[in-house]
Amino acid sequence: VYVDQQVCIGCGLCVSILPGLFRLNADGVSE
């Protein structure tokens, strides 16, 4: 799985669905 961090707005939906796979980094975007 890939997250385009240039496009990500940091809404956190992915983190809420799969916190074991996604997290918000120090810049506030998903990784």
PDB file of all heavy atoms in Angstrom:
ATOM      1  N   VAL A   1       0.852  -1.176   0.000  1.00  0.00           N
ATOM      2  CA  VAL A   1       0.000   0.000   0.000  1.00  0.00           C
ATOM      3  C   VAL A   1       0.894   1.234   0.000  1.00  0.00           C
ATOM      4  O   VAL A   1       1.947   1.257   0.635  1.00  0.00           O
ATOM      5  CB  VAL A   1      -0.899   0.018   1.256  1.00  0.00           C
ATOM      6  CG1 VAL A   1      -1.809   1.218   1.253  1.00  0.00           C
ATOM      7  CG2 VAL A   1      -1.706  -1.251   1.340  1.00  0.00           C
ATOM      8  N   TYR A   2       0.459   2.243  -0.711  1.00  0.00           N
ATOM      9  CA  TYR A   2       1.222   3.476  -0.857  1.00  0.00           C
ATOM     10  C   TYR A   2       0.332   4.655  -0.509  1.00  0.00           C
ATOM     11  O   TYR A   2      -0.843   4.677  -0.868  1.00  0.00           O
ATOM     12  CB  TYR A   2       1.706   3.603  -2.301  1.00  0.00           C
ATOM     13  CG  TYR A   2       2.281   4.941  -2.654  1.00  0.00           C
ATOM     14  CD1 TYR A   2       3.560   5.296  -2.249  1.00  0.00           C
ATOM     15  CD2 TYR A   2       1.537   5.864  -3.379  1.00  0.00           C
ATOM     16  CE1 TYR A   2       4.086   6.535  -2.566  1.00  0.00           C
ATOM     17  CE2 TYR A   2       2.063   7.098  -3.704  1.00  0.00           C
ATOM     18  CZ  TYR A   2       3.339   7.423  -3.286  1.00  0.00           C
ATOM     19  OH  TYR A   2       3.854   8.652  -3.601  1.00  0.00           O
ATOM     20  N   VAL A   3       0.878   5.638   0.215  1.00  0.00           N
ATOM     21  CA  VAL A   3       0.182   6.893   0.482  1.00  0.00           C
ATOM     22  C   VAL A   3       0.957   8.010  -0.205  1.00  0.00           C
ATOM     23  O   VAL A   3       2.152   8.198   0.061  1.00  0.00           O
ATOM     24  CB  VAL A   3       0.083   7.203   1.998  1.00  0.00           C
ATOM     25  CG1 VAL A   3      -0.543   8.563   2.234  1.00  0.00           C
ATOM     26  CG2 VAL A   3      -0.706   6.126   2.722  1.00  0.00           C
ATOM     27  N   ASP A   4       0.299   8.741  -1.074  1.00  0.00           N
ATOM     28  CA  ASP A   4       0.915   9.906  -1.711  1.00  0.00           C
ATOM     29  C   ASP A   4       0.830  11.061  -0.721  1.00  0.00           C
ATOM     30  O   ASP A   4      -0.208  11.704  -0.564  1.00  0.00           O
ATOM     31  CB  ASP A   4       0.188  10.254  -3.003  1.00  0.00           C
ATOM     32  CG  ASP A   4       0.860  11.379  -3.778  1.00  0.00           C
ATOM     33  OD1 ASP A   4       1.659  12.138  -3.175  1.00  0.00           O
ATOM     34  OD2 ASP A   4       0.566  11.514  -4.975  1.00  0.00           O
ATOM     35  N   GLN A   5       1.912  11.299  -0.021  1.00  0.00           N
ATOM     36  CA  GLN A   5       1.926  12.298   1.048  1.00  0.00           C
ATOM     37  C   GLN A   5       1.829  13.725   0.524  1.00  0.00           C
ATOM     38  O   GLN A   5       1.509  14.634   1.281  1.00  0.00           O
ATOM     39  CB  GLN A   5       3.167  12.111   1.913  1.00  0.00           C
ATOM     40  CG  GLN A   5       3.108  10.790   2.652  1.00  0.00           C
ATOM     41  CD  GLN A   5       4.309  10.558   3.535  1.00  0.00           C
ATOM     42  OE1 GLN A   5       5.392  11.109   3.316  1.00  0.00           O
ATOM     43  NE2 GLN A   5       4.125   9.729   4.551  1.00  0.00           N
ATOM     44  N   GLN A   6       2.063  13.924  -0.758  1.00  0.00           N
ATOM     45  CA  GLN A   6       1.900  15.249  -1.348  1.00  0.00           C
ATOM     46  C   GLN A   6       0.427  15.602  -1.515  1.00  0.00           C
ATOM     47  O   GLN A   6       0.065  16.771  -1.595  1.00  0.00           O
ATOM     48  CB  GLN A   6       2.607  15.323  -2.709  1.00  0.00           C
ATOM     49  CG  GLN A   6       4.090  15.073  -2.651  1.00  0.00           C
ATOM     50  CD  GLN A   6       4.820  16.119  -1.820  1.00  0.00           C
ATOM     51  OE1 GLN A   6       4.541  17.299  -1.914  1.00  0.00           O
ATOM     52  NE2 GLN A   6       5.736  15.671  -0.980  1.00  0.00           N
ATOM     53  N   VAL A   7      -0.430  14.578  -1.560  1.00  0.00           N
ATOM     54  CA  VAL A   7      -1.863  14.772  -1.759  1.00  0.00           C
ATOM     55  C   VAL A   7      -2.635  14.652  -0.443  1.00  0.00           C
ATOM     56  O   VAL A   7      -3.661  15.298  -0.249  1.00  0.00           O
ATOM     57  CB  VAL A   7      -2.402  13.753  -2.793  1.00  0.00           C
ATOM     58  CG1 VAL A   7      -3.904  13.872  -2.970  1.00  0.00           C
ATOM     59  CG2 VAL A   7      -1.693  13.930  -4.133  1.00  0.00           C
ATOM     60  N   CYS A   8      -2.143  13.860   0.477  1.00  0.00           N
ATOM     61  CA  CYS A   8      -2.824  13.592   1.749  1.00  0.00           C
ATOM     62  C   CYS A   8      -3.129  14.884   2.506  1.00  0.00           C
ATOM     63  O   CYS A   8      -2.280  15.769   2.604  1.00  0.00           O
ATOM     64  CB  CYS A   8      -1.975  12.672   2.615  1.00  0.00           C
ATOM     65  SG  CYS A   8      -2.724  12.257   4.204  1.00  0.00           S
ATOM     66  N   ILE A   9      -4.365  14.952   3.049  1.00  0.00           N
ATOM     67  CA  ILE A   9      -4.772  16.126   3.838  1.00  0.00           C
ATOM     68  C   ILE A   9      -4.784  15.829   5.337  1.00  0.00           C
ATOM     69  O   ILE A   9      -5.152  16.679   6.135  1.00  0.00           O
ATOM     70  CB  ILE A   9      -6.147  16.658   3.385  1.00  0.00           C
ATOM     71  CG1 ILE A   9      -7.233  15.581   3.535  1.00  0.00           C
ATOM     72  CG2 ILE A   9      -6.062  17.187   1.951  1.00  0.00           C
ATOM     73  CD1 ILE A   9      -8.651  16.080   3.290  1.00  0.00           C
ATOM     74  N   GLY A  10      -4.402  14.623   5.725  1.00  0.00           N
ATOM     75  CA  GLY A  10      -4.299  14.272   7.134  1.00  0.00           C
ATOM     76  C   GLY A  10      -5.629  14.143   7.848  1.00  0.00           C
ATOM     77  O   GLY A  10      -5.713  14.410   9.043  1.00  0.00           O
ATOM     78  N   CYS A  11      -6.665  13.712   7.147  1.00  0.00           N
ATOM     79  CA  CYS A  11      -7.990  13.605   7.770  1.00  0.00           C
ATOM     80  C   CYS A  11      -8.053  12.491   8.808  1.00  0.00           C
ATOM     81  O   CYS A  11      -8.858  12.547   9.728  1.00  0.00           O
ATOM     82  CB  CYS A  11      -9.075  13.427   6.715  1.00  0.00           C
ATOM     83  SG  CYS A  11      -9.115  11.786   5.971  1.00  0.00           S
ATOM     84  N   GLY A  12      -7.228  11.460   8.670  1.00  0.00           N
ATOM     85  CA  GLY A  12      -7.153  10.390   9.651  1.00  0.00           C
ATOM     86  C   GLY A  12      -8.134   9.248   9.469  1.00  0.00           C
ATOM     87  O   GLY A  12      -8.180   8.342  10.302  1.00  0.00           O
ATOM     88  N   LEU A  13      -8.922   9.246   8.393  1.00  0.00           N
ATOM     89  CA  LEU A  13      -9.857   8.133   8.176  1.00  0.00           C
ATOM     90  C   LEU A  13      -9.128   6.802   8.063  1.00  0.00           C
ATOM     91  O   LEU A  13      -9.563   5.804   8.632  1.00  0.00           O
ATOM     92  CB  LEU A  13     -10.703   8.370   6.927  1.00  0.00           C
ATOM     93  CG  LEU A  13     -11.870   9.323   7.070  1.00  0.00           C
ATOM     94  CD1 LEU A  13     -12.513   9.576   5.711  1.00  0.00           C
ATOM     95  CD2 LEU A  13     -12.893   8.776   8.036  1.00  0.00           C
ATOM     96  N   CYS A  14      -8.038   6.775   7.339  1.00  0.00           N
ATOM     97  CA  CYS A  14      -7.297   5.530   7.174  1.00  0.00           C
ATOM     98  C   CYS A  14      -6.754   5.028   8.514  1.00  0.00           C
ATOM     99  O   CYS A  14      -6.770   3.837   8.798  1.00  0.00           O
ATOM    100  CB  CYS A  14      -6.178   5.684   6.151  1.00  0.00           C
ATOM    101  SG  CYS A  14      -4.986   6.972   6.537  1.00  0.00           S
ATOM    102  N   VAL A  15      -6.318   5.957   9.336  1.00  0.00           N
ATOM    103  CA  VAL A  15      -5.804   5.600  10.657  1.00  0.00           C
ATOM    104  C   VAL A  15      -6.921   5.018  11.517  1.00  0.00           C
ATOM    105  O   VAL A  15      -6.716   4.041  12.245  1.00  0.00           O
ATOM    106  CB  VAL A  15      -5.157   6.819  11.354  1.00  0.00           C
ATOM    107  CG1 VAL A  15      -4.682   6.459  12.750  1.00  0.00           C
ATOM    108  CG2 VAL A  15      -4.005   7.369  10.524  1.00  0.00           C
ATOM    109  N   SER A  16      -8.108   5.596  11.431  1.00  0.00           N
ATOM    110  CA  SER A  16      -9.222   5.082  12.223  1.00  0.00           C
ATOM    111  C   SER A  16      -9.674   3.710  11.736  1.00  0.00           C
ATOM    112  O   SER A  16     -10.141   2.896  12.526  1.00  0.00           O
ATOM    113  CB  SER A  16     -10.390   6.068  12.223  1.00  0.00           C
ATOM    114  OG  SER A  16     -10.980   6.174  10.950  1.00  0.00           O
ATOM    115  N   ILE A  17      -9.519   3.427  10.450  1.00  0.00           N
ATOM    116  CA  ILE A  17      -9.905   2.126   9.904  1.00  0.00           C
ATOM    117  C   ILE A  17      -8.846   1.068  10.207  1.00  0.00           C
ATOM    118  O   ILE A  17      -9.172  -0.046  10.604  1.00  0.00           O
ATOM    119  CB  ILE A  17     -10.153   2.236   8.379  1.00  0.00           C
ATOM    120  CG1 ILE A  17     -11.384   3.114   8.121  1.00  0.00           C
ATOM    121  CG2 ILE A  17     -10.329   0.852   7.743  1.00  0.00           C
ATOM    122  CD1 ILE A  17     -11.579   3.523   6.670  1.00  0.00           C
ATOM    123  N   LEU A  18      -7.578   1.421  10.036  1.00  0.00           N
ATOM    124  CA  LEU A  18      -6.481   0.472  10.233  1.00  0.00           C
ATOM    125  C   LEU A  18      -5.304   1.127  10.963  1.00  0.00           C
ATOM    126  O   LEU A  18      -4.271   1.436  10.355  1.00  0.00           O
ATOM    127  CB  LEU A  18      -5.993  -0.062   8.888  1.00  0.00           C
ATOM    128  CG  LEU A  18      -6.663  -1.306   8.355  1.00  0.00           C
ATOM    129  CD1 LEU A  18      -6.181  -1.612   6.947  1.00  0.00           C
ATOM    130  CD2 LEU A  18      -6.418  -2.491   9.256  1.00  0.00           C
ATOM    131  N   PRO A  19      -5.434   1.332  12.267  1.00  0.00           N
ATOM    132  CA  PRO A  19      -4.340   1.982  12.999  1.00  0.00           C
ATOM    133  C   PRO A  19      -3.053   1.167  13.031  1.00  0.00           C
ATOM    134  O   PRO A  19      -1.981   1.713  13.282  1.00  0.00           O
ATOM    135  CB  PRO A  19      -4.912   2.173  14.401  1.00  0.00           C
ATOM    136  CG  PRO A  19      -6.025   1.195  14.508  1.00  0.00           C
ATOM    137  CD  PRO A  19      -6.571   1.008  13.114  1.00  0.00           C
ATOM    138  N   GLY A  20      -3.135  -0.127  12.755  1.00  0.00           N
ATOM    139  CA  GLY A  20      -1.938  -0.945  12.705  1.00  0.00           C
ATOM    140  C   GLY A  20      -1.168  -0.814  11.412  1.00  0.00           C
ATOM    141  O   GLY A  20      -0.041  -1.268  11.299  1.00  0.00           O
ATOM    142  N   LEU A  21      -1.776  -0.169  10.423  1.00  0.00           N
ATOM    143  CA  LEU A  21      -1.133  -0.028   9.118  1.00  0.00           C
ATOM    144  C   LEU A  21      -0.829   1.426   8.777  1.00  0.00           C
ATOM    145  O   LEU A  21       0.184   1.719   8.152  1.00  0.00           O
ATOM    146  CB  LEU A  21      -2.021  -0.630   8.024  1.00  0.00           C
ATOM    147  CG  LEU A  21      -1.484  -0.574   6.598  1.00  0.00           C
ATOM    148  CD1 LEU A  21      -0.224  -1.416   6.455  1.00  0.00           C
ATOM    149  CD2 LEU A  21      -2.530  -1.044   5.612  1.00  0.00           C
ATOM    150  N   PHE A  22      -1.717   2.329   9.190  1.00  0.00           N
ATOM    151  CA  PHE A  22      -1.546   3.744   8.879  1.00  0.00           C
ATOM    152  C   PHE A  22      -1.331   4.538  10.160  1.00  0.00           C
ATOM    153  O   PHE A  22      -1.841   4.186  11.219  1.00  0.00           O
ATOM    154  CB  PHE A  22      -2.794   4.308   8.179  1.00  0.00           C
ATOM    155  CG  PHE A  22      -3.114   3.648   6.875  1.00  0.00           C
ATOM    156  CD1 PHE A  22      -4.098   2.686   6.788  1.00  0.00           C
ATOM    157  CD2 PHE A  22      -2.427   3.993   5.718  1.00  0.00           C
ATOM    158  CE1 PHE A  22      -4.410   2.068   5.583  1.00  0.00           C
ATOM    159  CE2 PHE A  22      -2.726   3.381   4.510  1.00  0.00           C
ATOM    160  CZ  PHE A  22      -3.712   2.423   4.439  1.00  0.00           C
ATOM    161  N   ARG A  23      -0.584   5.613  10.051  1.00  0.00           N
ATOM    162  CA  ARG A  23      -0.432   6.561  11.149  1.00  0.00           C
ATOM    163  C   ARG A  23      -0.171   7.934  10.557  1.00  0.00           C
ATOM    164  O   ARG A  23       0.260   8.059   9.404  1.00  0.00           O
ATOM    165  CB  ARG A  23       0.696   6.158  12.082  1.00  0.00           C
ATOM    166  CG  ARG A  23       2.064   6.184  11.449  1.00  0.00           C
ATOM    167  CD  ARG A  23       3.135   5.773  12.436  1.00  0.00           C
ATOM    168  NE  ARG A  23       4.397   5.555  11.730  1.00  0.00           N
ATOM    169  CZ  ARG A  23       5.358   4.778  12.162  1.00  0.00           C
ATOM    170  NH1 ARG A  23       5.227   4.136  13.295  1.00  0.00           N
ATOM    171  NH2 ARG A  23       6.464   4.626  11.469  1.00  0.00           N
ATOM    172  N   LEU A  24      -0.447   8.964  11.351  1.00  0.00           N
ATOM    173  CA  LEU A  24      -0.124  10.320  10.925  1.00  0.00           C
ATOM    174  C   LEU A  24       1.295  10.618  11.381  1.00  0.00           C
ATOM    175  O   LEU A  24       1.653  10.393  12.537  1.00  0.00           O
ATOM    176  CB  LEU A  24      -1.112  11.333  11.513  1.00  0.00           C
ATOM    177  CG  LEU A  24      -2.565  11.175  11.056  1.00  0.00           C
ATOM    178  CD1 LEU A  24      -3.433  12.257  11.695  1.00  0.00           C
ATOM    179  CD2 LEU A  24      -2.691  11.226   9.545  1.00  0.00           C
ATOM    180  N   ASN A  25       2.106  11.125  10.474  1.00  0.00           N
ATOM    181  CA  ASN A  25       3.497  11.407  10.812  1.00  0.00           C
ATOM    182  C   ASN A  25       3.641  12.806  11.424  1.00  0.00           C
ATOM    183  O   ASN A  25       2.646  13.491  11.675  1.00  0.00           O
ATOM    184  CB  ASN A  25       4.405  11.226   9.588  1.00  0.00           C
ATOM    185  CG  ASN A  25       4.134  12.213   8.482  1.00  0.00           C
ATOM    186  OD1 ASN A  25       3.541  13.273   8.677  1.00  0.00           O
ATOM    187  ND2 ASN A  25       4.582  11.883   7.276  1.00  0.00           N
ATOM    188  N   ALA A  26       4.852  13.237  11.649  1.00  0.00           N
ATOM    189  CA  ALA A  26       5.122  14.528  12.282  1.00  0.00           C
ATOM    190  C   ALA A  26       4.602  15.704  11.468  1.00  0.00           C
ATOM    191  O   ALA A  26       4.314  16.769  12.019  1.00  0.00           O
ATOM    192  CB  ALA A  26       6.625  14.684  12.521  1.00  0.00           C
ATOM    193  N   ASP A  27       4.437  15.508  10.154  1.00  0.00           N
ATOM    194  CA  ASP A  27       3.903  16.561   9.290  1.00  0.00           C
ATOM    195  C   ASP A  27       2.374  16.550   9.245  1.00  0.00           C
ATOM    196  O   ASP A  27       1.768  17.375   8.561  1.00  0.00           O
ATOM    197  CB  ASP A  27       4.445  16.415   7.867  1.00  0.00           C
ATOM    198  CG  ASP A  27       5.950  16.644   7.798  1.00  0.00           C
ATOM    199  OD1 ASP A  27       6.459  17.500   8.552  1.00  0.00           O
ATOM    200  OD2 ASP A  27       6.612  15.963   6.985  1.00  0.00           O
ATOM    201  N   GLY A  28       1.759  15.587   9.952  1.00  0.00           N
ATOM    202  CA  GLY A  28       0.313  15.513  10.012  1.00  0.00           C
ATOM    203  C   GLY A  28      -0.347  14.826   8.827  1.00  0.00           C
ATOM    204  O   GLY A  28      -1.545  14.962   8.617  1.00  0.00           O
ATOM    205  N   VAL A  29       0.448  14.094   8.045  1.00  0.00           N
ATOM    206  CA  VAL A  29      -0.113  13.349   6.916  1.00  0.00           C
ATOM    207  C   VAL A  29       0.092  11.855   7.150  1.00  0.00           C
ATOM    208  O   VAL A  29       0.952  11.435   7.918  1.00  0.00           O
ATOM    209  CB  VAL A  29       0.498  13.787   5.567  1.00  0.00           C
ATOM    210  CG1 VAL A  29       0.129  15.223   5.249  1.00  0.00           C
ATOM    211  CG2 VAL A  29       1.989  13.591   5.532  1.00  0.00           C
ATOM    212  N   SER A  30      -0.708  11.071   6.474  1.00  0.00           N
ATOM    213  CA  SER A  30      -0.678   9.626   6.666  1.00  0.00           C
ATOM    214  C   SER A  30       0.573   9.007   6.072  1.00  0.00           C
ATOM    215  O   SER A  30       1.108   9.467   5.063  1.00  0.00           O
ATOM    216  CB  SER A  30      -1.921   9.015   6.010  1.00  0.00           C
ATOM    217  OG  SER A  30      -1.929   7.625   6.202  1.00  0.00           O
ATOM    218  N   GLU A  31       1.002   7.937   6.725  1.00  0.00           N
ATOM    219  CA  GLU A  31       2.081   7.114   6.197  1.00  0.00           C
ATOM    220  C   GLU A  31       1.774   5.665   6.522  1.00  0.00           C
ATOM    221  O   GLU A  31       1.022   5.368   7.449  1.00  0.00           O
ATOM    222  CB  GLU A  31       3.439   7.522   6.762  1.00  0.00           C
ATOM    223  CG  GLU A  31       3.601   7.286   8.246  1.00  0.00           C
ATOM    224  CD  GLU A  31       4.952   7.746   8.776  1.00  0.00           C
ATOM    225  OE1 GLU A  31       5.685   8.432   8.056  1.00  0.00           O
ATOM    226  OE2 GLU A  31       5.260   7.405   9.932  1.00  0.00           O
TER     227      GLU A  31
END
